[in-house]
Amino acid sequence: MANGQLSRAEALACSDCRHACHAMLYSDTKSLLFGKIPIKHIILMQMRFDGLLGFPGGFVNPSKESLEAGLCRELQEELGVALSISEDDHLDARHAPGTASCPRLITHFYAKKLEEEQIKEVEQAAVSTARDHGQEVLGMVRVPLYTTKSGGGLSSFLSHAFIANARTQLIDTLLRLQLLGPEHLHKALRHSLKTHAQGAVDLQAAITLTKAIRDQS
């Protein structure tokens, strides 16, 4: 398939590959930020133990369980609630960039629409009953799809560090499900580049400062 994508069947035929499944949970909402900015959709991501943003999920062994069963197991551990994920929720499969620890990895991405109350239940369970909270997962976060007058919101969020291809998965899914228009997303991405550039300047200044203090000691 185009852009390195695989069909679900093609991915499962790669018996010598490891498989990782992750899911984007989302809902519609009529909530307003500060009582005036439409939020429109709630999309959940998580802050991982390594400080990177990603989606809930993990490794699955297709020889022992279906992709969906394995994903549901991972979600139960990370979110503390039982969710039903089906093949119809499968959006994407592709080879991930190889690493020394996992040179042949295929990532599977799912999107599951819930009711707003279900999303809130997930958020509450994730900090109270989830087995992995405070260990592999440091907390759930909502993706801000709005843009404030100062340019904050989505553009600032996209400038954070994401694990592997999680940022691409988020952007692709926002467009595919028409949760955000391409013009709005394009503008946010351009502003995010400026934030990245300023962030690099700030980091370099911090490196210079810490080096000077280290050399004095």
N, C-alpha and C. Protein backbone atom coordinates (compact mmCIF):
# COMPACT_ATOMS: atom_id res chain seq x y z
N MET A 1 0.84 -1.19 0.00
CA MET A 1 0.00 0.00 0.00
C MET A 1 0.88 1.25 0.00
N ALA A 2 0.27 2.41 -0.28
CA ALA A 2 1.03 3.65 -0.39
C ALA A 2 1.55 4.10 0.97
N ASN A 3 2.65 4.90 0.92
CA ASN A 3 3.21 5.50 2.12
C ASN A 3 3.64 4.47 3.17
N GLY A 4 4.02 3.27 2.70
CA GLY A 4 4.50 2.25 3.62
C GLY A 4 3.41 1.59 4.44
N GLN A 5 2.15 1.88 4.13
CA GLN A 5 1.06 1.28 4.88
C GLN A 5 0.85 -0.16 4.47
N LEU A 6 0.32 -0.94 5.40
CA LEU A 6 -0.01 -2.34 5.16
C LEU A 6 -1.48 -2.55 5.48
N SER A 7 -2.09 -3.50 4.80
CA SER A 7 -3.43 -3.88 5.21
C SER A 7 -3.29 -4.72 6.48
N ARG A 8 -4.37 -4.92 7.19
CA ARG A 8 -4.31 -5.72 8.41
C ARG A 8 -3.82 -7.13 8.09
N ALA A 9 -4.31 -7.70 6.98
CA ALA A 9 -3.91 -9.05 6.59
C ALA A 9 -2.43 -9.11 6.22
N GLU A 10 -1.95 -8.11 5.50
CA GLU A 10 -0.54 -8.06 5.13
C GLU A 10 0.34 -7.97 6.37
N ALA A 11 -0.09 -7.18 7.32
CA ALA A 11 0.69 -7.03 8.55
C ALA A 11 0.77 -8.34 9.31
N LEU A 12 -0.36 -9.04 9.42
CA LEU A 12 -0.38 -10.29 10.17
C LEU A 12 0.41 -11.39 9.46
N ALA A 13 0.61 -11.24 8.15
CA ALA A 13 1.39 -12.22 7.40
C ALA A 13 2.88 -12.10 7.69
N CYS A 14 3.30 -11.01 8.30
CA CYS A 14 4.71 -10.80 8.65
C CYS A 14 4.99 -11.50 9.98
N SER A 15 5.17 -12.81 9.91
CA SER A 15 5.30 -13.62 11.12
C SER A 15 6.59 -13.36 11.89
N ASP A 16 7.60 -12.79 11.23
CA ASP A 16 8.86 -12.52 11.92
C ASP A 16 8.92 -11.11 12.50
N CYS A 17 7.80 -10.41 12.49
CA CYS A 17 7.74 -9.04 13.02
C CYS A 17 7.04 -9.03 14.38
N ARG A 18 7.40 -8.05 15.19
CA ARG A 18 6.66 -7.79 16.41
C ARG A 18 5.54 -6.81 16.08
N HIS A 19 4.47 -6.86 16.87
CA HIS A 19 3.31 -6.02 16.60
C HIS A 19 2.97 -5.20 17.85
N ALA A 20 2.72 -3.91 17.64
CA ALA A 20 2.30 -3.02 18.72
C ALA A 20 0.98 -2.35 18.31
N CYS A 21 0.02 -2.37 19.21
CA CYS A 21 -1.30 -1.80 18.93
C CYS A 21 -1.59 -0.65 19.89
N HIS A 22 -2.05 0.46 19.34
CA HIS A 22 -2.40 1.62 20.16
C HIS A 22 -3.73 2.19 19.67
N ALA A 23 -4.41 2.90 20.55
CA ALA A 23 -5.75 3.40 20.21
C ALA A 23 -5.93 4.85 20.60
N MET A 24 -6.63 5.57 19.73
CA MET A 24 -7.07 6.93 20.05
C MET A 24 -8.53 6.85 20.48
N LEU A 25 -8.79 7.22 21.71
CA LEU A 25 -10.15 7.28 22.24
C LEU A 25 -10.65 8.72 22.15
N TYR A 26 -11.85 8.89 21.62
CA TYR A 26 -12.34 10.26 21.45
C TYR A 26 -13.86 10.31 21.56
N SER A 27 -14.35 11.52 21.75
CA SER A 27 -15.80 11.74 21.80
C SER A 27 -16.10 13.16 21.34
N ASP A 28 -17.35 13.40 21.04
CA ASP A 28 -17.80 14.76 20.75
C ASP A 28 -18.14 15.44 22.07
N THR A 29 -18.09 16.75 22.09
CA THR A 29 -18.47 17.49 23.29
C THR A 29 -18.98 18.88 22.91
N LYS A 30 -19.88 19.39 23.72
CA LYS A 30 -20.39 20.74 23.53
C LYS A 30 -19.76 21.71 24.53
N SER A 31 -18.76 21.24 25.26
CA SER A 31 -18.10 22.05 26.28
C SER A 31 -17.39 23.24 25.65
N LEU A 32 -17.27 24.31 26.44
CA LEU A 32 -16.60 25.52 25.99
C LEU A 32 -15.44 25.84 26.94
N LEU A 33 -14.30 26.17 26.40
CA LEU A 33 -13.17 26.61 27.21
C LEU A 33 -13.39 28.07 27.61
N PHE A 34 -13.31 28.35 28.92
CA PHE A 34 -13.57 29.69 29.44
C PHE A 34 -14.97 30.18 29.07
N GLY A 35 -15.84 29.23 28.76
CA GLY A 35 -17.22 29.58 28.45
C GLY A 35 -17.45 30.16 27.07
N LYS A 36 -16.38 30.16 26.22
CA LYS A 36 -16.57 30.79 24.90
C LYS A 36 -15.84 30.09 23.75
N ILE A 37 -14.81 29.30 24.03
CA ILE A 37 -14.06 28.64 22.95
C ILE A 37 -14.54 27.21 22.79
N PRO A 38 -15.17 26.84 21.66
CA PRO A 38 -15.66 25.48 21.46
C PRO A 38 -14.52 24.45 21.49
N ILE A 39 -14.68 23.42 22.31
CA ILE A 39 -13.69 22.35 22.37
C ILE A 39 -13.96 21.30 21.28
N LYS A 40 -15.24 21.07 20.99
CA LYS A 40 -15.73 20.21 19.91
C LYS A 40 -15.49 18.72 20.13
N HIS A 41 -14.24 18.32 20.36
CA HIS A 41 -13.95 16.90 20.52
C HIS A 41 -12.96 16.69 21.67
N ILE A 42 -13.14 15.59 22.39
CA ILE A 42 -12.20 15.19 23.42
C ILE A 42 -11.38 14.03 22.86
N ILE A 43 -10.07 14.20 22.82
CA ILE A 43 -9.16 13.16 22.34
C ILE A 43 -8.16 12.87 23.44
N LEU A 44 -8.02 11.60 23.80
CA LEU A 44 -7.14 11.24 24.90
C LEU A 44 -5.78 10.73 24.40
N MET A 45 -4.73 11.26 25.02
CA MET A 45 -3.39 10.72 24.86
C MET A 45 -2.83 10.54 26.26
N GLN A 46 -1.60 10.11 26.36
CA GLN A 46 -1.02 9.89 27.69
C GLN A 46 0.42 10.37 27.74
N MET A 47 0.83 10.80 28.92
CA MET A 47 2.22 11.10 29.18
C MET A 47 2.87 9.82 29.66
N ARG A 48 3.88 9.36 28.93
CA ARG A 48 4.54 8.10 29.24
C ARG A 48 5.62 8.27 30.30
N PHE A 49 6.13 7.15 30.77
CA PHE A 49 7.19 7.15 31.78
C PHE A 49 8.46 7.85 31.30
N ASP A 50 8.67 7.89 29.96
CA ASP A 50 9.88 8.50 29.42
C ASP A 50 9.70 9.97 29.08
N GLY A 51 8.55 10.54 29.47
CA GLY A 51 8.32 11.96 29.22
C GLY A 51 7.80 12.27 27.84
N LEU A 52 7.49 11.24 27.04
CA LEU A 52 6.98 11.43 25.69
C LEU A 52 5.47 11.23 25.66
N LEU A 53 4.81 11.93 24.74
CA LEU A 53 3.38 11.75 24.54
C LEU A 53 3.11 10.57 23.62
N GLY A 54 2.09 9.82 23.92
CA GLY A 54 1.74 8.68 23.07
C GLY A 54 0.29 8.29 23.30
N PHE A 55 -0.11 7.22 22.63
CA PHE A 55 -1.46 6.69 22.79
C PHE A 55 -1.41 5.41 23.63
N PRO A 56 -2.46 5.12 24.37
CA PRO A 56 -2.47 3.90 25.18
C PRO A 56 -2.43 2.65 24.31
N GLY A 57 -1.76 1.62 24.81
CA GLY A 57 -1.62 0.37 24.07
C GLY A 57 -0.29 -0.27 24.38
N GLY A 58 0.12 -1.22 23.54
CA GLY A 58 1.40 -1.88 23.76
C GLY A 58 1.61 -3.05 22.83
N PHE A 59 2.57 -3.91 23.16
CA PHE A 59 2.92 -5.04 22.31
C PHE A 59 1.86 -6.14 22.39
N VAL A 60 1.63 -6.77 21.24
CA VAL A 60 0.66 -7.87 21.13
C VAL A 60 1.32 -9.01 20.37
N ASN A 61 1.06 -10.23 20.80
CA ASN A 61 1.58 -11.42 20.12
C ASN A 61 0.44 -12.09 19.37
N PRO A 62 0.34 -11.90 18.04
CA PRO A 62 -0.78 -12.45 17.27
C PRO A 62 -0.85 -13.97 17.27
N SER A 63 0.24 -14.63 17.64
CA SER A 63 0.21 -16.10 17.69
C SER A 63 -0.51 -16.60 18.93
N LYS A 64 -0.73 -15.70 19.90
CA LYS A 64 -1.38 -16.10 21.14
C LYS A 64 -2.73 -15.44 21.36
N GLU A 65 -2.96 -14.30 20.69
CA GLU A 65 -4.22 -13.58 20.85
C GLU A 65 -4.43 -12.69 19.64
N SER A 66 -5.66 -12.30 19.40
CA SER A 66 -5.92 -11.40 18.29
C SER A 66 -5.36 -10.02 18.63
N LEU A 67 -5.14 -9.22 17.59
CA LEU A 67 -4.66 -7.86 17.82
C LEU A 67 -5.60 -7.10 18.75
N GLU A 68 -6.88 -7.25 18.51
CA GLU A 68 -7.86 -6.51 19.29
C GLU A 68 -7.92 -6.98 20.74
N ALA A 69 -7.81 -8.30 20.95
CA ALA A 69 -7.82 -8.82 22.32
C ALA A 69 -6.59 -8.33 23.08
N GLY A 70 -5.45 -8.33 22.40
CA GLY A 70 -4.23 -7.85 23.03
C GLY A 70 -4.30 -6.37 23.36
N LEU A 71 -4.90 -5.59 22.44
CA LEU A 71 -5.04 -4.15 22.68
C LEU A 71 -5.97 -3.90 23.87
N CYS A 72 -7.07 -4.64 23.93
CA CYS A 72 -8.00 -4.48 25.05
C CYS A 72 -7.31 -4.80 26.37
N ARG A 73 -6.45 -5.81 26.39
CA ARG A 73 -5.70 -6.16 27.59
C ARG A 73 -4.79 -5.01 28.01
N GLU A 74 -4.08 -4.44 27.03
CA GLU A 74 -3.19 -3.32 27.32
C GLU A 74 -3.97 -2.10 27.82
N LEU A 75 -5.12 -1.85 27.23
CA LEU A 75 -5.94 -0.71 27.66
C LEU A 75 -6.44 -0.91 29.08
N GLN A 76 -6.79 -2.13 29.42
CA GLN A 76 -7.25 -2.43 30.78
C GLN A 76 -6.15 -2.11 31.79
N GLU A 77 -4.91 -2.45 31.45
CA GLU A 77 -3.79 -2.22 32.35
C GLU A 77 -3.46 -0.74 32.49
N GLU A 78 -3.56 0.00 31.38
CA GLU A 78 -3.14 1.39 31.39
C GLU A 78 -4.25 2.37 31.76
N LEU A 79 -5.50 1.96 31.50
CA LEU A 79 -6.63 2.87 31.74
C LEU A 79 -7.51 2.44 32.90
N GLY A 80 -7.43 1.17 33.28
CA GLY A 80 -8.22 0.70 34.41
C GLY A 80 -9.67 0.41 34.10
N VAL A 81 -10.04 0.39 32.82
CA VAL A 81 -11.41 0.07 32.42
C VAL A 81 -11.39 -0.91 31.25
N ALA A 82 -12.45 -1.68 31.13
CA ALA A 82 -12.57 -2.63 30.02
C ALA A 82 -13.27 -1.94 28.86
N LEU A 83 -12.61 -1.94 27.71
CA LEU A 83 -13.18 -1.34 26.50
C LEU A 83 -13.22 -2.37 25.39
N SER A 84 -14.23 -2.28 24.57
CA SER A 84 -14.36 -3.21 23.45
C SER A 84 -13.78 -2.58 22.18
N ILE A 85 -12.75 -3.22 21.62
CA ILE A 85 -12.13 -2.76 20.38
C ILE A 85 -12.33 -3.83 19.33
N SER A 86 -12.80 -3.45 18.14
CA SER A 86 -13.07 -4.42 17.08
C SER A 86 -12.20 -4.14 15.86
N GLU A 87 -12.23 -5.06 14.90
CA GLU A 87 -11.48 -4.88 13.65
C GLU A 87 -11.94 -3.63 12.91
N ASP A 88 -13.21 -3.26 13.09
CA ASP A 88 -13.73 -2.07 12.41
C ASP A 88 -13.05 -0.79 12.90
N ASP A 89 -12.46 -0.84 14.08
CA ASP A 89 -11.78 0.33 14.63
C ASP A 89 -10.34 0.45 14.14
N HIS A 90 -9.87 -0.55 13.41
CA HIS A 90 -8.49 -0.57 12.91
C HIS A 90 -8.35 0.42 11.76
N LEU A 91 -7.44 1.38 11.89
CA LEU A 91 -7.26 2.41 10.87
C LEU A 91 -6.00 2.25 10.05
N ASP A 92 -4.93 1.75 10.67
CA ASP A 92 -3.64 1.85 10.01
C ASP A 92 -2.67 0.79 10.53
N ALA A 93 -1.84 0.28 9.63
CA ALA A 93 -0.75 -0.62 10.01
C ALA A 93 0.44 -0.26 9.12
N ARG A 94 1.61 -0.19 9.72
CA ARG A 94 2.79 0.15 8.94
C ARG A 94 4.05 -0.27 9.68
N HIS A 95 5.14 -0.42 8.93
CA HIS A 95 6.43 -0.73 9.53
C HIS A 95 6.93 0.50 10.26
N ALA A 96 7.37 0.31 11.49
CA ALA A 96 7.95 1.41 12.27
C ALA A 96 9.45 1.44 12.04
N PRO A 97 10.07 2.61 12.21
CA PRO A 97 11.53 2.68 12.09
C PRO A 97 12.19 1.69 13.04
N GLY A 98 13.13 0.91 12.54
CA GLY A 98 13.76 -0.12 13.34
C GLY A 98 14.65 0.44 14.43
N THR A 99 14.74 -0.28 15.54
CA THR A 99 15.65 0.06 16.62
C THR A 99 16.46 -1.18 16.97
N ALA A 100 17.50 -1.00 17.76
CA ALA A 100 18.35 -2.13 18.13
C ALA A 100 17.57 -3.17 18.93
N SER A 101 16.64 -2.70 19.77
CA SER A 101 15.87 -3.62 20.60
C SER A 101 14.70 -4.25 19.85
N CYS A 102 14.24 -3.60 18.79
CA CYS A 102 13.10 -4.12 18.04
C CYS A 102 13.24 -3.73 16.57
N PRO A 103 14.09 -4.45 15.81
CA PRO A 103 14.40 -4.05 14.43
C PRO A 103 13.25 -4.22 13.44
N ARG A 104 12.31 -5.12 13.71
CA ARG A 104 11.20 -5.34 12.79
C ARG A 104 9.89 -5.22 13.57
N LEU A 105 9.33 -4.01 13.53
CA LEU A 105 8.13 -3.72 14.29
C LEU A 105 7.05 -3.16 13.38
N ILE A 106 5.84 -3.67 13.56
CA ILE A 106 4.68 -3.15 12.84
C ILE A 106 3.75 -2.51 13.87
N THR A 107 3.38 -1.26 13.60
CA THR A 107 2.46 -0.57 14.50
C THR A 107 1.05 -0.58 13.92
N HIS A 108 0.10 -0.86 14.76
CA HIS A 108 -1.32 -0.86 14.38
C HIS A 108 -2.01 0.26 15.15
N PHE A 109 -2.84 1.02 14.45
CA PHE A 109 -3.50 2.15 15.10
C PHE A 109 -5.01 2.02 14.96
N TYR A 110 -5.69 2.26 16.08
CA TYR A 110 -7.14 2.15 16.14
C TYR A 110 -7.73 3.48 16.61
N ALA A 111 -8.97 3.74 16.23
CA ALA A 111 -9.69 4.90 16.74
C ALA A 111 -11.05 4.43 17.22
N LYS A 112 -11.36 4.73 18.48
CA LYS A 112 -12.61 4.28 19.09
C LYS A 112 -13.39 5.48 19.59
N LYS A 113 -14.60 5.66 19.04
CA LYS A 113 -15.44 6.77 19.48
C LYS A 113 -16.29 6.34 20.66
N LEU A 114 -16.27 7.14 21.72
CA LEU A 114 -17.05 6.89 22.91
C LEU A 114 -18.00 8.05 23.17
N GLU A 115 -18.90 7.85 24.11
CA GLU A 115 -19.72 8.96 24.58
C GLU A 115 -18.88 9.80 25.55
N GLU A 116 -19.23 11.06 25.70
CA GLU A 116 -18.44 11.94 26.56
C GLU A 116 -18.35 11.40 27.99
N GLU A 117 -19.44 10.85 28.51
CA GLU A 117 -19.42 10.31 29.87
C GLU A 117 -18.46 9.13 29.97
N GLN A 118 -18.36 8.33 28.91
CA GLN A 118 -17.41 7.22 28.91
C GLN A 118 -15.98 7.73 28.95
N ILE A 119 -15.72 8.79 28.21
CA ILE A 119 -14.38 9.39 28.21
C ILE A 119 -14.02 9.85 29.62
N LYS A 120 -14.95 10.48 30.29
CA LYS A 120 -14.71 10.96 31.65
C LYS A 120 -14.47 9.79 32.60
N GLU A 121 -15.17 8.68 32.40
CA GLU A 121 -14.97 7.49 33.22
C GLU A 121 -13.56 6.95 33.02
N VAL A 122 -13.09 6.97 31.76
CA VAL A 122 -11.73 6.51 31.46
C VAL A 122 -10.72 7.39 32.18
N GLU A 123 -10.92 8.70 32.12
CA GLU A 123 -9.99 9.63 32.77
C GLU A 123 -9.94 9.40 34.28
N GLN A 124 -11.09 9.16 34.87
CA GLN A 124 -11.14 8.94 36.31
C GLN A 124 -10.49 7.62 36.70
N ALA A 125 -10.77 6.58 35.93
CA ALA A 125 -10.21 5.26 36.23
C ALA A 125 -8.70 5.24 36.03
N ALA A 126 -8.22 6.02 35.06
CA ALA A 126 -6.79 6.02 34.73
C ALA A 126 -5.93 6.49 35.89
N VAL A 127 -6.51 7.30 36.79
CA VAL A 127 -5.73 7.81 37.93
C VAL A 127 -6.12 7.13 39.23
N SER A 128 -7.07 6.19 39.18
CA SER A 128 -7.53 5.57 40.42
C SER A 128 -7.37 4.05 40.44
N THR A 129 -7.72 3.39 39.34
CA THR A 129 -7.69 1.92 39.34
C THR A 129 -6.72 1.32 38.33
N ALA A 130 -6.17 2.12 37.43
CA ALA A 130 -5.26 1.57 36.41
C ALA A 130 -3.99 1.03 37.06
N ARG A 131 -3.61 -0.18 36.69
CA ARG A 131 -2.43 -0.83 37.28
C ARG A 131 -1.14 -0.08 36.97
N ASP A 132 -1.06 0.50 35.77
CA ASP A 132 0.19 1.11 35.32
C ASP A 132 0.31 2.59 35.64
N HIS A 133 -0.72 3.18 36.28
CA HIS A 133 -0.66 4.62 36.57
C HIS A 133 0.48 4.92 37.53
N GLY A 134 1.28 5.93 37.19
CA GLY A 134 2.41 6.30 38.02
C GLY A 134 3.66 5.49 37.75
N GLN A 135 3.54 4.51 36.86
CA GLN A 135 4.69 3.69 36.49
C GLN A 135 4.96 3.84 34.99
N GLU A 136 4.31 3.00 34.18
CA GLU A 136 4.49 3.14 32.73
C GLU A 136 3.76 4.36 32.20
N VAL A 137 2.69 4.73 32.86
CA VAL A 137 1.88 5.87 32.42
C VAL A 137 1.83 6.91 33.54
N LEU A 138 2.18 8.15 33.23
CA LEU A 138 2.21 9.21 34.23
C LEU A 138 0.91 10.00 34.29
N GLY A 139 0.06 9.86 33.27
CA GLY A 139 -1.22 10.56 33.31
C GLY A 139 -1.83 10.70 31.93
N MET A 140 -3.14 10.87 31.89
CA MET A 140 -3.85 11.08 30.63
C MET A 140 -3.92 12.58 30.35
N VAL A 141 -3.89 12.94 29.07
CA VAL A 141 -4.02 14.34 28.67
C VAL A 141 -5.02 14.44 27.53
N ARG A 142 -5.66 15.58 27.44
CA ARG A 142 -6.57 15.86 26.33
C ARG A 142 -5.85 16.69 25.27
N VAL A 143 -6.10 16.37 24.02
CA VAL A 143 -5.49 17.13 22.92
C VAL A 143 -6.33 18.38 22.68
N PRO A 144 -5.76 19.58 22.82
CA PRO A 144 -6.52 20.80 22.57
C PRO A 144 -6.63 21.06 21.06
N LEU A 145 -7.83 20.99 20.53
CA LEU A 145 -8.02 21.19 19.09
C LEU A 145 -8.26 22.65 18.73
N TYR A 146 -8.35 23.49 19.71
CA TYR A 146 -8.61 24.92 19.49
C TYR A 146 -7.30 25.69 19.43
N THR A 147 -7.40 26.95 18.99
CA THR A 147 -6.25 27.85 18.98
C THR A 147 -6.65 29.15 19.67
N THR A 148 -5.89 29.56 20.66
CA THR A 148 -6.19 30.79 21.37
C THR A 148 -5.66 32.00 20.59
N LYS A 149 -6.04 33.20 21.03
CA LYS A 149 -5.59 34.41 20.35
C LYS A 149 -4.07 34.56 20.37
N SER A 150 -3.43 34.03 21.40
CA SER A 150 -1.97 34.12 21.51
C SER A 150 -1.26 33.01 20.73
N GLY A 151 -2.05 32.16 20.07
CA GLY A 151 -1.46 31.07 19.29
C GLY A 151 -1.31 29.79 20.06
N GLY A 152 -1.74 29.77 21.31
CA GLY A 152 -1.64 28.56 22.11
C GLY A 152 -2.71 27.55 21.75
N GLY A 153 -2.66 26.40 22.39
CA GLY A 153 -3.61 25.34 22.10
C GLY A 153 -2.96 24.24 21.29
N LEU A 154 -3.54 23.94 20.13
CA LEU A 154 -3.06 22.82 19.33
C LEU A 154 -1.61 23.00 18.88
N SER A 155 -1.24 24.19 18.44
CA SER A 155 0.12 24.40 17.95
C SER A 155 1.15 24.14 19.05
N SER A 156 0.86 24.59 20.27
CA SER A 156 1.77 24.34 21.38
C SER A 156 1.84 22.86 21.71
N PHE A 157 0.69 22.20 21.66
CA PHE A 157 0.64 20.77 21.97
C PHE A 157 1.48 19.98 20.97
N LEU A 158 1.36 20.32 19.69
CA LEU A 158 2.09 19.59 18.65
C LEU A 158 3.60 19.81 18.73
N SER A 159 4.03 20.83 19.46
CA SER A 159 5.46 21.09 19.58
C SER A 159 6.12 20.23 20.65
N HIS A 160 5.32 19.49 21.41
CA HIS A 160 5.88 18.60 22.43
C HIS A 160 6.54 17.39 21.76
N ALA A 161 7.25 16.59 22.57
CA ALA A 161 7.92 15.40 22.07
C ALA A 161 6.96 14.21 22.12
N PHE A 162 6.84 13.50 21.00
CA PHE A 162 5.96 12.34 20.89
C PHE A 162 6.80 11.08 20.70
N ILE A 163 6.27 9.94 21.14
CA ILE A 163 6.95 8.68 20.94
C ILE A 163 6.73 8.19 19.50
N ALA A 164 7.81 7.72 18.86
CA ALA A 164 7.74 7.09 17.53
C ALA A 164 6.89 7.93 16.57
N ASN A 165 5.85 7.32 15.98
CA ASN A 165 5.03 8.03 14.99
C ASN A 165 3.68 8.49 15.56
N ALA A 166 3.62 8.70 16.89
CA ALA A 166 2.34 9.09 17.52
C ALA A 166 1.83 10.43 17.02
N ARG A 167 2.74 11.38 16.76
CA ARG A 167 2.30 12.69 16.25
C ARG A 167 1.68 12.53 14.86
N THR A 168 2.32 11.73 14.01
CA THR A 168 1.78 11.48 12.67
C THR A 168 0.44 10.77 12.75
N GLN A 169 0.32 9.79 13.66
CA GLN A 169 -0.94 9.09 13.84
C GLN A 169 -2.04 10.05 14.25
N LEU A 170 -1.73 10.97 15.14
CA LEU A 170 -2.72 11.96 15.57
C LEU A 170 -3.15 12.84 14.41
N ILE A 171 -2.20 13.38 13.67
CA ILE A 171 -2.52 14.29 12.57
C ILE A 171 -3.31 13.57 11.48
N ASP A 172 -2.86 12.38 11.10
CA ASP A 172 -3.56 11.61 10.06
C ASP A 172 -5.00 11.32 10.47
N THR A 173 -5.20 10.98 11.74
CA THR A 173 -6.54 10.61 12.20
C THR A 173 -7.45 11.83 12.31
N LEU A 174 -6.90 12.96 12.72
CA LEU A 174 -7.70 14.19 12.75
C LEU A 174 -8.25 14.51 11.36
N LEU A 175 -7.42 14.31 10.35
CA LEU A 175 -7.85 14.58 8.98
C LEU A 175 -8.80 13.50 8.46
N ARG A 176 -8.47 12.24 8.73
CA ARG A 176 -9.27 11.14 8.20
C ARG A 176 -10.69 11.16 8.76
N LEU A 177 -10.81 11.43 10.06
CA LEU A 177 -12.12 11.45 10.70
C LEU A 177 -12.78 12.82 10.63
N GLN A 178 -12.10 13.77 9.97
CA GLN A 178 -12.62 15.12 9.80
C GLN A 178 -12.95 15.78 11.14
N LEU A 179 -12.09 15.55 12.12
CA LEU A 179 -12.24 16.18 13.42
C LEU A 179 -11.67 17.59 13.41
N LEU A 180 -10.85 17.86 12.41
CA LEU A 180 -10.25 19.18 12.26
C LEU A 180 -9.99 19.43 10.78
N GLY A 181 -10.24 20.65 10.32
CA GLY A 181 -10.03 20.98 8.92
C GLY A 181 -8.55 21.11 8.58
N PRO A 182 -8.18 20.82 7.34
CA PRO A 182 -6.77 20.89 6.94
C PRO A 182 -6.18 22.29 7.08
N GLU A 183 -6.97 23.34 6.85
CA GLU A 183 -6.46 24.70 6.95
C GLU A 183 -6.08 25.04 8.39
N HIS A 184 -6.96 24.67 9.33
CA HIS A 184 -6.70 24.90 10.75
C HIS A 184 -5.47 24.13 11.19
N LEU A 185 -5.38 22.87 10.77
CA LEU A 185 -4.25 22.03 11.16
C LEU A 185 -2.94 22.54 10.55
N HIS A 186 -3.00 22.97 9.29
CA HIS A 186 -1.81 23.50 8.62
C HIS A 186 -1.28 24.72 9.37
N LYS A 187 -2.18 25.60 9.77
CA LYS A 187 -1.78 26.81 10.49
C LYS A 187 -1.16 26.46 11.83
N ALA A 188 -1.75 25.48 12.52
CA ALA A 188 -1.21 25.06 13.82
C ALA A 188 0.17 24.46 13.68
N LEU A 189 0.39 23.68 12.63
CA LEU A 189 1.68 23.05 12.41
C LEU A 189 2.76 24.09 12.10
N ARG A 190 2.41 25.10 11.32
CA ARG A 190 3.38 26.14 11.00
C ARG A 190 3.78 26.91 12.27
N HIS A 191 2.81 27.20 13.12
CA HIS A 191 3.11 27.90 14.37
C HIS A 191 3.93 27.00 15.29
N SER A 192 3.66 25.69 15.22
CA SER A 192 4.40 24.74 16.05
C SER A 192 5.88 24.72 15.68
N LEU A 193 6.18 24.89 14.41
CA LEU A 193 7.58 24.95 13.97
C LEU A 193 8.31 26.12 14.63
N LYS A 194 7.63 27.25 14.74
CA LYS A 194 8.23 28.42 15.39
C LYS A 194 8.48 28.13 16.88
N THR A 195 7.53 27.42 17.50
CA THR A 195 7.69 27.06 18.91
C THR A 195 8.88 26.13 19.08
N HIS A 196 9.04 25.19 18.14
CA HIS A 196 10.19 24.28 18.17
C HIS A 196 11.49 25.06 18.10
N ALA A 197 11.53 26.04 17.21
CA ALA A 197 12.75 26.83 17.03
C ALA A 197 13.10 27.59 18.30
N GLN A 198 12.10 28.21 18.92
CA GLN A 198 12.34 28.95 20.16
C GLN A 198 12.76 28.00 21.27
N GLY A 199 12.14 26.81 21.28
CA GLY A 199 12.49 25.82 22.29
C GLY A 199 13.94 25.39 22.18
N ALA A 200 14.43 25.26 20.94
CA ALA A 200 15.83 24.88 20.73
C ALA A 200 16.77 25.96 21.26
N VAL A 201 16.39 27.23 21.06
CA VAL A 201 17.19 28.35 21.57
C VAL A 201 17.24 28.31 23.09
N ASP A 202 16.09 28.09 23.72
CA ASP A 202 16.02 28.04 25.18
C ASP A 202 16.84 26.88 25.74
N LEU A 203 16.78 25.73 25.07
CA LEU A 203 17.55 24.57 25.53
C LEU A 203 19.04 24.83 25.43
N GLN A 204 19.46 25.46 24.34
CA GLN A 204 20.88 25.75 24.18
C GLN A 204 21.36 26.71 25.26
N ALA A 205 20.52 27.68 25.61
CA ALA A 205 20.87 28.62 26.67
C ALA A 205 20.99 27.89 28.01
N ALA A 206 20.10 26.93 28.25
CA ALA A 206 20.15 26.16 29.49
C ALA A 206 21.40 25.29 29.54
N ILE A 207 21.77 24.72 28.40
CA ILE A 207 22.99 23.90 28.33
C ILE A 207 24.22 24.75 28.64
N THR A 208 24.26 25.94 28.06
CA THR A 208 25.38 26.84 28.31
C THR A 208 25.49 27.20 29.79
N LEU A 209 24.33 27.47 30.41
CA LEU A 209 24.30 27.83 31.83
C LEU A 209 24.80 26.69 32.70
N THR A 210 24.27 25.49 32.47
CA THR A 210 24.66 24.35 33.31
C THR A 210 26.13 23.99 33.10
N LYS A 211 26.63 24.17 31.89
CA LYS A 211 28.04 23.87 31.63
C LYS A 211 28.94 24.84 32.39
N ALA A 212 28.54 26.13 32.41
CA ALA A 212 29.33 27.13 33.11
C ALA A 212 29.38 26.83 34.61
N ILE A 213 28.23 26.44 35.18
CA ILE A 213 28.16 26.12 36.61
C ILE A 213 28.98 24.87 36.91
N ARG A 214 28.88 23.88 36.01
CA ARG A 214 29.64 22.63 36.18
C ARG A 214 31.14 22.90 36.16
N ASP A 215 31.58 23.75 35.22
CA ASP A 215 33.00 24.04 35.09
C ASP A 215 33.55 24.80 36.29
N GLN A 216 32.66 25.54 36.98
CA GLN A 216 33.09 26.32 38.14
C GLN A 216 33.25 25.46 39.39
N SER A 217 32.58 24.32 39.39
CA SER A 217 32.59 23.48 40.59
C SER A 217 33.81 22.55 40.64
